[in-house]
Structures are given as C-alpha cells and as structure tokens.
Amino acid sequence: MCKELRNTSWKCWYGLMIGGLALATATATEPTADSSAFRRFMERDYLFGDWGGLRTDLANKGINFEFFYAGSVPNNLHGGIEPGAVYQGALMMLLDLDSKKLLGYEGGTFHASSLWLHGEKPFSDRFVGDLNKVNLLDFKNAFRLWELYYQQRLFDGKLMFKLGELSIDRDFIVPELYGSLGTVTLLNQTFLFPTMAFNLFDIPYFPPQHHGLASTPNAAPGAVLRYDPAPWFYIQGSVYGGNPDQSYTGTDFNMSETEGALSFFEAGFRWNQSTNQPGLSGSLKLGGYYHTGNFTDVSQGVTWLAMSAVNPYAPAPGVLNGNYGTYLLVEQQLFAESDKAAQAWQGLIGFFRVGTAPADRNLAQLGLDGGLVYRGLIPGRDWDTLAVAGSYLKMSDDIRSAQENINLIAPGSFTLADYEAVIEVSYKLQLAAWWTIQPSYQHVFHPGGSAAIPDADVLIIQTTLRF
C-alpha cells in the first residue's frame, strides 16, 4: 500500500512538471489585454505579493522577511542499491533587521533563519549509495534553527565581521556567477558545496572522533572577519566549533575542546564585475581550512575493521592530530547575449573547482568538478537555465593500499576503493518570478567510491516557491 502511494505521489509530481511546461509555453507568448492581470501575477516577486502592503511597510522600518519552499521527487531509475522514488521537502524562513532603519546607525544586520526539513529520508543512503548525494534536500527531517548572527560593516563596507550560529557555506567557497543557495542551477549536493570538505565528518564504521562540518542545514558557533580593500579583491578568515549541532531543533550551542575548532581562510579576486566594465565577468577563490581535532589514521582504521570482524577486542586504530584541505574555485562568463545591466543577463558561464586533502586521515584525497551554465538559451525563455556539470572524487590511496594488503591475506575481503563520479544535466524553468520547476538527470559512477555498487541513473523533479 505504501509503495503504491509513493508511486502515485511521484507520478503526480511528474504530471505537475508537464503542466508547468505547458504554462511556460503559454506565458512565453506576447501578452494580450485579457491576460495582462495574469501576467502581472506571474511576474511579481512573491506568490502572495506584498502581503497587502505589510512587506513594504516592514521593509521601510528595516524588517525584511522571506519564505522559500523547495519540494522534490528523486527517483533512482536503474542501478545503485535499488530502484525507488520518494518525496522530500524543505521550507526556509529568513528574517533580517536593518540597524540604520531601526536604530539609526549604519552597517548593522541581525539575521535569523530556520528550516523545516520533511519527507521520506534518506534517499541516497537507501537507493543510490553515493557519497556526493544526488538531491539537495536529502537531509534528515528536522524543524530547526539554521543561522542566528549579528553582522556589522565598517569603513564604507570594506571591513565586515559577524558573530553567532553560522553555516560555513554562506561565506566560503560561495559561487558568485553560476549559482547559489538562492539560485540553484544543479541539484547534486557537491556542486553547491564540495564533498571534499565533508571529509571532516567521522568516517562511517571507524571509532567516532566527534567532529564535522557546519554546512547547511547545520551550523555551529563561529565568527567571520572579511576585508575588501578594493572591489576586485578580498580576504577573509573564520573560526567555528569543530562539531556542528545536528539536533532536531538546532539549538544546542556547544563548543567543546575535545571536538576541536575549525578555521577557514579565503582570498578572492574578481574582474569586470561592474556593469560599466565592458569585459566578461569572472572570479577566482583560493582557500583552505584546518581542524584541530583528532582524526583516525585511515590505514589503521581499515586494518581495525578487518580484525574486529573476527576479534571484538582488536586494538583501536591510532589517531592523527588535526586535518586540513585546500581548494580553488574559478568562474568565468564565456559568452554574453545581453548587456550586463539587463535584468535577465543571458549567456554562458563556465566553472571549475579542485579540492585536496591528505590521504592518511581522509576518506577522499582529491575532488574535481566543473561545468557550463547557460541562461536564456531558448528564445522567449530569458530566465530559464540549462546546466551541465561533472564531478570526480578520488578516494584515499592509503585506504586502497590497506585494502590491498588485507586482500592478500583474506582474498575478497574488500572491494578496492577508487573513485566516485557524477554527471548532471539540469534545466530550470522559471515559470514565474516566484515559481520554478527543475528536472535533473544524473548518472552516478561507482557510488560509494568503489565498484561494489552498480552505477546509478537518477531523475529528480524539483519545484521552488517564494512567498
């Protein structure tokens, strides 16, 4: 019965997408007198408009709020662990208070946000087995605080600091051209924030060391300091708690010496960003991170796994002090159909990212991803976005070497770790200023980082609403 209900759910979702396609075609035509009111409804920023003037009144007083809903049906069509589809959803609630309008002084912002994550979970762990996670909404269910911080800009905005409960992916390795949390172009989680950084979480089946990464939907107590000496350059640094709050409510504000601390550092360069600069825009971000906690020696960890299967009293693997990684993100506009000042910039953007981490204490040691994003490819569909991207995640050589040594003694004990890769093709339909529908096809190679699980083909249909 439950299986029948799930099948009905995702088939209805596909029907909604087909209806959206028809509506997209209809709204792409020239407006008529009879359709002008409908067109105004479709072109306003929010589904509920100005809330009867409340949104504008509050904004004039320095109070800004936003509600954003995303719902998706990921469907593993073939391969992976098993075929299957589920529904997953998320509601984002955001509030910003402006110090100038509320209290009369410049540059201050108080921010609070929360998330309601719901639906059938997990998807990747149950159906695909991948490390990258094919669906952006594939996090455990919760109704939780997301971020809570105070931010202050000084010296004409050149210096910024913020302090509070923070998510790292709101400040570091943030795309500026091809997509962001608010303008998603790709649905695999690694394209929003690279999987390499998730090395900081405990490796499954190894003895827990109680550390992780404070990335959406998780956060941790932290502080960020950023300096923009010129429009084309910035530097920033931060420190966060070493183990993010993963509770249902997100209100466990904890920093423990045993869990360590995590620092990120980044330098960014931009070119031709202003609308009065004629060249194509681009950016480069170079950064790294360091975690002060203890991390399991992965080679000894693999040996411990093999020994503990026959001897529950096998000595625990050794630990290494600290963990670190580096990254590079490059974005570049490659072709422009419209002027930079146009409301809907149309053209082609390319991006490339690489991340590294030491093989002796991490599940993966190298991550590469890149792709192309085209906005306004189809005439009359200026806001639609086509994206094609690929990712390659190389597993630790130390893990593979330990597995090879154990297989010499006990053949077949391990399927050797090698890599996980994914190719994604996505098309986002901007049906209204406040509504999108986005189909995404992904082919996952070697889910989980080895050939133990067959390659998977996944289709995801996602819709978003702003209200």
Protein backbone atom coordinates (compact mmCIF):
# COMPACT_ATOMS: atom_id res chain seq x y z
CA MET A 1 0.00 0.00 0.00
CA CYS A 2 2.77 2.45 0.98
CA LYS A 3 4.66 1.61 -2.19
CA GLU A 4 1.54 2.34 -4.26
CA LEU A 5 1.13 5.70 -2.53
CA ARG A 6 4.75 6.62 -3.22
CA ASN A 7 4.39 5.68 -6.88
CA THR A 8 1.22 7.80 -7.14
CA SER A 9 3.00 10.72 -5.45
CA TRP A 10 5.92 10.93 -7.84
CA LYS A 11 3.73 10.31 -10.88
CA CYS A 12 1.57 13.26 -9.81
CA TRP A 13 4.75 15.29 -9.42
CA TYR A 14 5.78 14.46 -13.00
CA GLY A 15 2.29 15.48 -14.10
CA LEU A 16 2.82 18.83 -12.38
CA MET A 17 6.04 19.28 -14.34
CA ILE A 18 4.28 18.59 -17.64
CA GLY A 19 1.60 21.12 -16.69
CA GLY A 20 4.33 23.59 -15.85
CA LEU A 21 5.90 23.07 -19.27
CA ALA A 22 2.59 23.90 -20.90
CA LEU A 23 2.24 27.00 -18.74
CA ALA A 24 5.80 28.04 -19.55
CA THR A 25 4.99 27.87 -23.24
CA ALA A 26 1.82 29.89 -22.72
CA THR A 27 3.49 32.65 -20.70
CA ALA A 28 6.28 32.95 -23.26
CA THR A 29 3.83 34.39 -25.78
CA GLU A 30 3.09 38.10 -26.14
CA PRO A 31 0.61 39.44 -23.55
CA THR A 32 -2.91 40.42 -24.51
CA ALA A 33 -5.33 42.75 -22.76
CA ASP A 34 -7.17 39.77 -21.30
CA SER A 35 -4.00 38.16 -19.93
CA SER A 36 -2.30 41.27 -18.51
CA ALA A 37 -3.62 40.77 -14.97
CA PHE A 38 -2.45 37.16 -15.04
CA ARG A 39 0.94 38.26 -16.37
CA ARG A 40 1.30 40.77 -13.55
CA PHE A 41 0.53 37.97 -11.10
CA MET A 42 3.20 35.73 -12.67
CA GLU A 43 5.83 38.47 -12.77
CA ARG A 44 5.57 39.69 -9.19
CA ASP A 45 8.41 38.66 -6.89
CA TYR A 46 6.36 36.60 -4.43
CA LEU A 47 3.38 34.27 -4.71
CA PHE A 48 1.48 36.29 -2.10
CA GLY A 49 2.71 39.61 -3.49
CA ASP A 50 3.19 42.44 -1.00
CA TRP A 51 1.04 40.74 1.66
CA GLY A 52 -1.46 43.59 1.45
CA GLY A 53 1.29 46.17 1.88
CA LEU A 54 2.73 44.52 5.02
CA ARG A 55 6.00 43.51 3.33
CA THR A 56 6.70 47.08 2.12
CA ASP A 57 5.69 48.66 5.44
CA LEU A 58 8.01 46.38 7.39
CA ALA A 59 10.87 46.85 4.88
CA ASN A 60 10.60 50.63 5.27
CA LYS A 61 11.09 50.09 9.00
CA GLY A 62 14.11 47.81 8.46
CA ILE A 63 12.37 44.44 8.84
CA ASN A 64 12.76 42.08 5.88
CA PHE A 65 11.45 38.53 5.74
CA GLU A 66 11.35 35.74 3.17
CA PHE A 67 9.76 32.31 2.89
CA PHE A 68 11.16 29.86 0.36
CA TYR A 69 9.83 26.35 -0.26
CA ALA A 70 11.51 23.57 -2.24
CA GLY A 71 9.98 20.18 -2.94
CA SER A 72 11.49 17.36 -4.95
CA VAL A 73 10.96 13.78 -6.05
CA PRO A 74 14.27 11.94 -6.54
CA ASN A 75 13.82 8.67 -8.42
CA ASN A 76 16.55 6.05 -8.81
CA LEU A 77 15.66 4.57 -12.19
CA HIS A 78 18.38 1.96 -12.50
CA GLY A 79 21.42 0.61 -10.66
CA GLY A 80 22.60 1.77 -7.28
CA ILE A 81 21.26 -0.13 -4.27
CA GLU A 82 17.68 -0.46 -5.52
CA PRO A 83 15.19 1.46 -7.71
CA GLY A 84 12.76 3.74 -5.93
CA ALA A 85 11.34 7.23 -5.52
CA VAL A 86 10.44 9.41 -2.52
CA TYR A 87 9.19 12.93 -1.80
CA GLN A 88 11.44 15.38 0.08
CA GLY A 89 10.75 18.99 1.02
CA ALA A 90 12.24 21.99 2.79
CA LEU A 91 10.82 25.31 3.97
CA MET A 92 13.30 28.15 4.59
CA MET A 93 12.24 31.06 6.79
CA LEU A 94 14.54 34.11 6.90
CA LEU A 95 14.46 37.39 8.84
CA ASP A 96 16.84 40.37 8.55
CA LEU A 97 16.77 43.53 10.68
CA ASP A 98 18.50 46.71 9.37
CA SER A 99 20.25 48.79 12.05
CA LYS A 100 20.01 52.03 10.05
CA LYS A 101 16.23 51.98 9.76
CA LEU A 102 15.57 50.51 13.18
CA LEU A 103 18.19 52.18 15.38
CA GLY A 104 19.78 54.91 13.28
CA TYR A 105 23.31 53.59 12.85
CA GLU A 106 24.91 52.27 9.66
CA GLY A 107 26.05 48.82 8.65
CA GLY A 108 24.45 46.52 11.19
CA THR A 109 22.30 43.47 10.39
CA PHE A 110 20.67 40.94 12.68
CA HIS A 111 19.85 37.70 10.86
CA ALA A 112 17.74 34.72 11.94
CA SER A 113 16.69 31.76 9.81
CA SER A 114 15.14 28.36 10.30
CA LEU A 115 14.43 25.22 8.27
CA TRP A 116 11.65 22.68 8.18
CA LEU A 117 13.02 19.53 6.54
CA HIS A 118 10.42 16.87 5.86
CA GLY A 119 9.54 13.96 3.60
CA GLU A 120 10.83 10.41 3.32
CA LYS A 121 14.50 10.17 4.29
CA PRO A 122 17.11 9.18 3.39
CA PHE A 123 17.23 8.81 -0.38
CA SER A 124 20.88 8.35 -1.38
CA ASP A 125 21.75 6.05 1.52
CA ARG A 126 18.76 3.84 0.76
CA PHE A 127 18.58 3.80 -3.04
CA VAL A 128 21.88 5.02 -4.56
CA GLY A 129 24.71 4.64 -2.05
CA ASP A 130 26.62 7.70 -3.24
CA LEU A 131 28.84 9.99 -1.17
CA ASN A 132 28.04 13.17 -3.13
CA LYS A 133 24.27 12.89 -2.52
CA VAL A 134 22.20 13.49 -5.65
CA ASN A 135 19.47 15.59 -4.01
CA LEU A 136 19.96 18.94 -2.26
CA LEU A 137 17.08 18.19 0.15
CA ASP A 138 18.38 14.81 1.28
CA PHE A 139 18.98 15.64 4.95
CA LYS A 140 17.32 14.08 7.98
CA ASN A 141 13.97 15.57 8.97
CA ALA A 142 14.01 18.45 11.43
CA PHE A 143 12.37 21.72 12.36
CA ARG A 144 15.44 23.64 13.37
CA LEU A 145 17.23 26.91 13.78
CA TRP A 146 19.55 27.44 10.82
CA GLU A 147 21.59 30.62 11.40
CA LEU A 148 21.46 33.28 14.10
CA TYR A 149 24.04 36.07 13.96
CA TYR A 150 24.86 39.76 14.11
CA GLN A 151 26.83 41.31 11.24
CA GLN A 152 28.49 44.73 11.14
CA ARG A 153 30.09 46.57 8.21
CA LEU A 154 32.62 49.35 8.87
CA PHE A 155 34.74 51.82 6.87
CA ASP A 156 32.30 52.20 3.97
CA GLY A 157 31.67 48.48 3.91
CA LYS A 158 35.30 47.46 3.42
CA LEU A 159 35.50 45.64 6.77
CA MET A 160 32.87 43.14 7.89
CA PHE A 161 32.56 40.88 10.90
CA LYS A 162 29.78 38.61 12.03
CA LEU A 163 29.31 36.52 15.13
CA GLY A 164 26.77 33.87 16.05
CA GLU A 165 25.47 30.49 14.93
CA LEU A 166 26.86 30.18 11.38
CA SER A 167 26.88 27.88 8.34
CA ILE A 168 30.22 27.85 6.52
CA ASP A 169 28.74 27.56 3.04
CA ARG A 170 27.16 31.01 3.37
CA ASP A 171 30.62 32.63 3.39
CA PHE A 172 33.24 30.26 1.94
CA ILE A 173 33.53 28.57 -1.48
CA VAL A 174 30.41 30.51 -2.46
CA PRO A 175 29.66 30.70 -6.23
CA GLU A 176 29.01 34.21 -7.49
CA LEU A 177 28.06 33.60 -11.13
CA TYR A 178 26.79 30.09 -11.86
CA GLY A 179 24.53 29.53 -8.85
CA SER A 180 23.98 29.85 -5.13
CA LEU A 181 21.59 28.61 -2.47
CA GLY A 182 19.02 31.12 -3.71
CA THR A 183 19.58 30.49 -7.45
CA VAL A 184 20.19 26.75 -7.65
CA THR A 185 21.29 25.52 -11.08
CA LEU A 186 22.41 21.98 -10.13
CA LEU A 187 20.81 19.60 -7.63
CA ASN A 188 23.71 17.33 -6.66
CA GLN A 189 24.99 18.49 -3.27
CA THR A 190 28.64 18.52 -4.35
CA PHE A 191 28.04 21.36 -6.83
CA LEU A 192 26.65 23.62 -4.09
CA PHE A 193 29.37 22.84 -1.54
CA PRO A 194 32.17 20.38 -2.45
CA THR A 195 32.03 16.88 -0.98
CA MET A 196 35.78 17.09 -0.19
CA ALA A 197 35.04 19.40 2.75
CA PHE A 198 32.76 16.72 4.25
CA ASN A 199 35.91 14.68 4.96
CA LEU A 200 35.74 16.44 8.33
CA PHE A 201 32.85 14.23 9.42
CA ASP A 202 33.61 10.93 11.15
CA ILE A 203 34.22 8.12 8.67
CA PRO A 204 31.42 5.51 8.94
CA TYR A 205 32.32 2.35 10.90
CA PHE A 206 35.53 3.89 12.30
CA PRO A 207 35.65 4.77 16.03
CA PRO A 208 33.90 8.16 16.41
CA GLN A 209 36.07 11.24 16.99
CA HIS A 210 33.13 13.70 17.27
CA HIS A 211 33.88 16.30 14.63
CA GLY A 212 32.29 17.56 11.43
CA LEU A 213 31.47 20.45 9.11
CA ALA A 214 28.97 23.23 9.90
CA SER A 215 27.32 23.44 6.47
CA THR A 216 23.64 23.85 5.59
CA PRO A 217 21.38 22.69 7.20
CA ASN A 218 23.78 22.54 10.16
CA ALA A 219 25.51 25.42 11.93
CA ALA A 220 27.97 26.00 14.75
CA PRO A 221 29.07 28.91 16.96
CA GLY A 222 31.55 30.96 14.95
CA ALA A 223 32.94 34.28 13.82
CA VAL A 224 33.92 35.62 10.37
CA LEU A 225 36.15 38.62 9.57
CA ARG A 226 36.35 39.90 5.98
CA TYR A 227 38.27 42.80 4.41
CA ASP A 228 37.58 44.20 0.92
CA PRO A 229 40.39 46.72 0.25
CA ALA A 230 39.29 47.07 -3.39
CA PRO A 231 36.28 45.95 -5.48
CA TRP A 232 38.48 43.34 -7.20
CA PHE A 233 39.98 41.69 -4.10
CA TYR A 234 39.03 40.43 -0.62
CA ILE A 235 40.46 38.28 2.16
CA GLN A 236 38.55 36.59 4.96
CA GLY A 237 39.05 34.21 7.84
CA SER A 238 36.86 32.45 10.36
CA VAL A 239 36.69 30.08 13.30
CA TYR A 240 33.83 27.67 14.12
CA GLY A 241 33.01 24.96 16.59
CA GLY A 242 34.52 21.66 15.45
CA ASN A 243 31.31 19.62 15.64
CA PRO A 244 28.08 21.15 14.24
CA ASP A 245 24.76 20.93 16.01
CA GLN A 246 22.81 18.13 14.28
CA SER A 247 19.92 18.04 16.75
CA TYR A 248 16.28 18.27 15.68
CA THR A 249 15.96 21.87 16.90
CA GLY A 250 19.45 23.18 16.10
CA THR A 251 19.63 25.00 19.44
CA ASP A 252 22.44 23.04 21.11
CA PHE A 253 25.03 25.86 21.14
CA ASN A 254 28.07 23.86 22.11
CA MET A 255 31.83 24.30 21.76
CA SER A 256 33.94 21.54 23.28
CA GLU A 257 37.72 21.30 23.47
CA THR A 258 37.53 17.57 22.73
CA GLU A 259 35.66 18.29 19.46
CA GLY A 260 38.24 20.85 18.34
CA ALA A 261 37.81 24.00 16.29
CA LEU A 262 37.59 24.57 12.54
CA SER A 263 39.08 27.55 10.71
CA PHE A 264 38.56 28.61 7.08
CA PHE A 265 40.68 31.12 5.13
CA GLU A 266 39.98 32.50 1.65
CA ALA A 267 41.26 35.12 -0.78
CA GLY A 268 39.09 36.19 -3.72
CA PHE A 269 39.78 38.02 -6.96
CA ARG A 270 37.19 39.47 -9.32
CA TRP A 271 37.38 41.05 -12.76
CA ASN A 272 34.91 43.00 -14.88
CA GLN A 273 32.19 42.68 -12.24
CA SER A 274 30.78 46.19 -12.61
CA THR A 275 28.13 46.92 -15.25
CA ASN A 276 30.28 49.76 -16.62
CA GLN A 277 33.21 47.41 -17.32
CA PRO A 278 32.91 46.02 -20.85
CA GLY A 279 34.69 42.67 -20.43
CA LEU A 280 33.17 39.36 -19.39
CA SER A 281 32.97 38.88 -15.61
CA GLY A 282 34.93 36.32 -13.67
CA SER A 283 36.16 35.39 -10.21
CA LEU A 284 38.77 33.22 -8.52
CA LYS A 285 38.69 31.97 -4.93
CA LEU A 286 41.68 30.32 -3.28
CA GLY A 287 41.37 28.98 0.23
CA GLY A 288 41.90 26.31 2.82
CA TYR A 289 40.76 25.02 6.19
CA TYR A 290 42.24 23.45 9.32
CA HIS A 291 40.53 21.37 12.01
CA THR A 292 42.27 20.96 15.39
CA GLY A 293 40.58 17.66 16.36
CA ASN A 294 41.91 14.10 16.31
CA PHE A 295 41.32 12.04 13.16
CA THR A 296 41.60 8.29 12.70
CA ASP A 297 44.59 7.04 10.71
CA VAL A 298 42.62 5.56 7.80
CA SER A 299 45.13 2.82 7.01
CA GLN A 300 44.98 1.56 10.59
CA GLY A 301 41.22 2.06 10.53
CA VAL A 302 40.79 -0.34 7.62
CA THR A 303 43.01 -2.91 9.35
CA TRP A 304 40.98 -2.48 12.54
CA LEU A 305 37.73 -3.09 10.63
CA ALA A 306 39.09 -6.36 9.26
CA MET A 307 40.49 -7.51 12.63
CA SER A 308 37.41 -6.54 14.67
CA ALA A 309 35.25 -8.76 12.44
CA VAL A 310 36.98 -11.81 13.99
CA ASN A 311 38.29 -10.28 17.23
CA PRO A 312 35.98 -7.82 19.05
CA TYR A 313 38.92 -6.88 21.32
CA ALA A 314 41.19 -5.76 18.49
CA PRO A 315 43.16 -2.63 19.49
CA ALA A 316 41.62 0.64 18.29
CA PRO A 317 43.35 2.38 15.36
CA GLY A 318 45.70 5.28 16.04
CA VAL A 319 44.74 8.91 15.59
CA LEU A 320 46.43 11.85 13.89
CA ASN A 321 46.33 15.40 15.20
CA GLY A 322 44.47 17.89 13.02
CA ASN A 323 43.10 17.82 9.49
CA TYR A 324 43.27 20.26 6.61
CA GLY A 325 42.44 20.86 2.96
CA THR A 326 42.82 23.38 0.17
CA TYR A 327 40.54 24.49 -2.66
CA LEU A 328 40.35 26.62 -5.79
CA LEU A 329 37.16 27.86 -7.49
CA VAL A 330 37.19 29.69 -10.83
CA GLU A 331 34.11 31.13 -12.58
CA GLN A 332 34.03 32.91 -15.92
CA GLN A 333 31.41 34.32 -18.24
CA LEU A 334 32.24 32.82 -21.64
CA PHE A 335 29.60 34.37 -23.86
CA ALA A 336 27.04 37.15 -23.41
CA GLU A 337 23.79 37.53 -25.32
CA SER A 338 22.66 40.59 -23.37
CA ASP A 339 24.21 43.63 -21.73
CA LYS A 340 25.43 43.28 -18.13
CA ALA A 341 22.87 45.83 -16.97
CA ALA A 342 19.98 43.76 -18.37
CA GLN A 343 17.55 42.47 -15.76
CA ALA A 344 17.97 38.95 -17.10
CA TRP A 345 21.60 38.53 -18.07
CA GLN A 346 21.73 35.89 -20.81
CA GLY A 347 24.80 33.94 -21.75
CA LEU A 348 27.19 31.10 -20.93
CA ILE A 349 29.19 30.68 -17.72
CA GLY A 350 31.88 28.10 -17.02
CA PHE A 351 33.19 27.00 -13.63
CA PHE A 352 35.96 24.74 -12.33
CA ARG A 353 36.83 23.70 -8.79
CA VAL A 354 39.51 21.49 -7.23
CA GLY A 355 40.00 20.42 -3.61
CA THR A 356 42.74 18.40 -1.92
CA ALA A 357 43.23 16.76 1.48
CA PRO A 358 45.85 14.38 2.98
CA ALA A 359 45.26 10.71 2.22
CA ASP A 360 46.29 9.43 5.66
CA ARG A 361 43.27 10.83 7.57
CA ASN A 362 40.54 11.36 4.99
CA LEU A 363 38.09 9.25 3.03
CA ALA A 364 38.86 11.18 -0.19
CA GLN A 365 42.05 12.97 -1.20
CA LEU A 366 41.11 14.82 -4.41
CA GLY A 367 37.92 16.37 -5.72
CA LEU A 368 37.36 17.92 -9.13
CA ASP A 369 34.18 19.43 -10.54
CA GLY A 370 33.22 21.81 -13.29
CA GLY A 371 30.53 22.62 -15.79
CA LEU A 372 28.69 25.02 -18.04
CA VAL A 373 25.57 27.05 -17.27
CA TYR A 374 23.54 28.84 -19.95
CA ARG A 375 20.78 31.29 -19.06
CA GLY A 376 18.25 32.20 -21.74
CA LEU A 377 19.23 29.61 -24.34
CA ILE A 378 15.68 29.29 -25.74
CA PRO A 379 14.22 32.43 -27.35
CA GLY A 380 11.49 33.88 -25.16
CA ARG A 381 12.72 31.96 -22.10
CA ASP A 382 15.23 34.56 -20.85
CA TRP A 383 15.24 33.39 -17.22
CA ASP A 384 15.48 29.63 -17.83
CA THR A 385 18.79 27.93 -17.04
CA LEU A 386 20.45 24.91 -18.64
CA ALA A 387 23.35 23.39 -16.68
CA VAL A 388 25.73 20.51 -17.47
CA ALA A 389 28.36 19.53 -14.91
CA GLY A 390 30.60 16.70 -13.78
CA SER A 391 32.39 15.74 -10.57
CA TYR A 392 35.24 13.32 -9.78
CA LEU A 393 36.08 12.27 -6.21
CA LYS A 394 39.29 10.23 -5.77
CA MET A 395 39.32 8.03 -2.69
CA SER A 396 42.29 7.84 -0.32
CA ASP A 397 45.34 5.95 -1.61
CA ASP A 398 46.07 4.92 1.99
CA ILE A 399 42.67 3.25 2.29
CA ARG A 400 43.14 1.42 -1.00
CA SER A 401 46.65 0.27 -0.05
CA ALA A 402 45.41 -1.13 3.28
CA GLN A 403 42.56 -2.93 1.50
CA GLU A 404 45.02 -4.47 -0.99
CA ASN A 405 47.21 -5.75 1.85
CA ILE A 406 44.25 -7.35 3.63
CA ASN A 407 43.01 -8.93 0.39
CA LEU A 408 46.42 -10.64 0.04
CA ILE A 409 45.78 -12.41 3.34
CA ALA A 410 42.00 -12.84 3.02
CA PRO A 411 41.07 -12.55 -0.68
CA GLY A 412 37.78 -10.77 -1.37
CA SER A 413 37.56 -9.01 1.99
CA PHE A 414 37.29 -5.58 0.34
CA THR A 415 36.19 -4.15 -2.98
CA LEU A 416 39.01 -1.70 -3.54
CA ALA A 417 38.27 1.99 -3.11
CA ASP A 418 38.91 4.01 -6.26
CA TYR A 419 36.58 6.92 -7.11
CA GLU A 420 33.05 8.26 -7.31
CA ALA A 421 31.93 10.45 -10.20
CA VAL A 422 28.70 12.04 -11.37
CA ILE A 423 27.42 13.76 -14.49
CA GLU A 424 24.36 16.00 -14.14
CA VAL A 425 22.17 17.67 -16.76
CA SER A 426 19.59 20.10 -15.39
CA TYR A 427 17.07 22.53 -16.86
CA LYS A 428 15.36 25.06 -14.60
CA LEU A 429 12.09 26.52 -15.89
CA GLN A 430 11.30 29.96 -14.47
CA LEU A 431 7.51 29.67 -14.69
CA ALA A 432 7.01 32.85 -12.66
CA ALA A 433 9.23 35.21 -10.71
CA TRP A 434 8.20 33.19 -7.64
CA TRP A 435 7.96 29.66 -9.11
CA THR A 436 10.39 27.25 -10.79
CA ILE A 437 10.29 23.64 -11.92
CA GLN A 438 13.58 21.86 -12.47
CA PRO A 439 14.17 18.37 -13.89
CA SER A 440 17.65 16.93 -13.32
CA TYR A 441 19.19 13.74 -14.71
CA GLN A 442 22.28 12.34 -13.00
CA HIS A 443 24.46 9.34 -13.78
CA VAL A 444 26.49 8.23 -10.76
CA PHE A 445 29.67 6.21 -11.38
CA HIS A 446 30.91 3.90 -8.61
CA PRO A 447 28.51 5.00 -5.85
CA GLY A 448 30.28 4.98 -2.50
CA GLY A 449 33.74 5.20 -4.07
CA SER A 450 34.20 1.66 -5.39
CA ALA A 451 32.76 -0.82 -7.88
CA ALA A 452 30.83 -2.63 -5.13
CA ILE A 453 27.58 -0.84 -6.04
CA PRO A 454 26.43 -0.63 -9.70
CA ASP A 455 26.34 2.74 -11.46
CA ALA A 456 23.03 4.53 -10.96
CA ASP A 457 20.71 6.65 -13.11
CA VAL A 458 18.67 9.18 -11.14
CA LEU A 459 15.92 11.55 -12.27
CA ILE A 460 14.87 14.37 -9.94
CA ILE A 461 11.98 16.79 -10.32
CA GLN A 462 12.17 19.84 -8.06
CA THR A 463 9.94 22.85 -7.68
CA THR A 464 10.50 26.05 -5.67
CA LEU A 465 8.15 28.78 -4.43
CA ARG A 466 8.84 32.20 -2.91
CA PHE A 467 6.01 33.71 -0.86
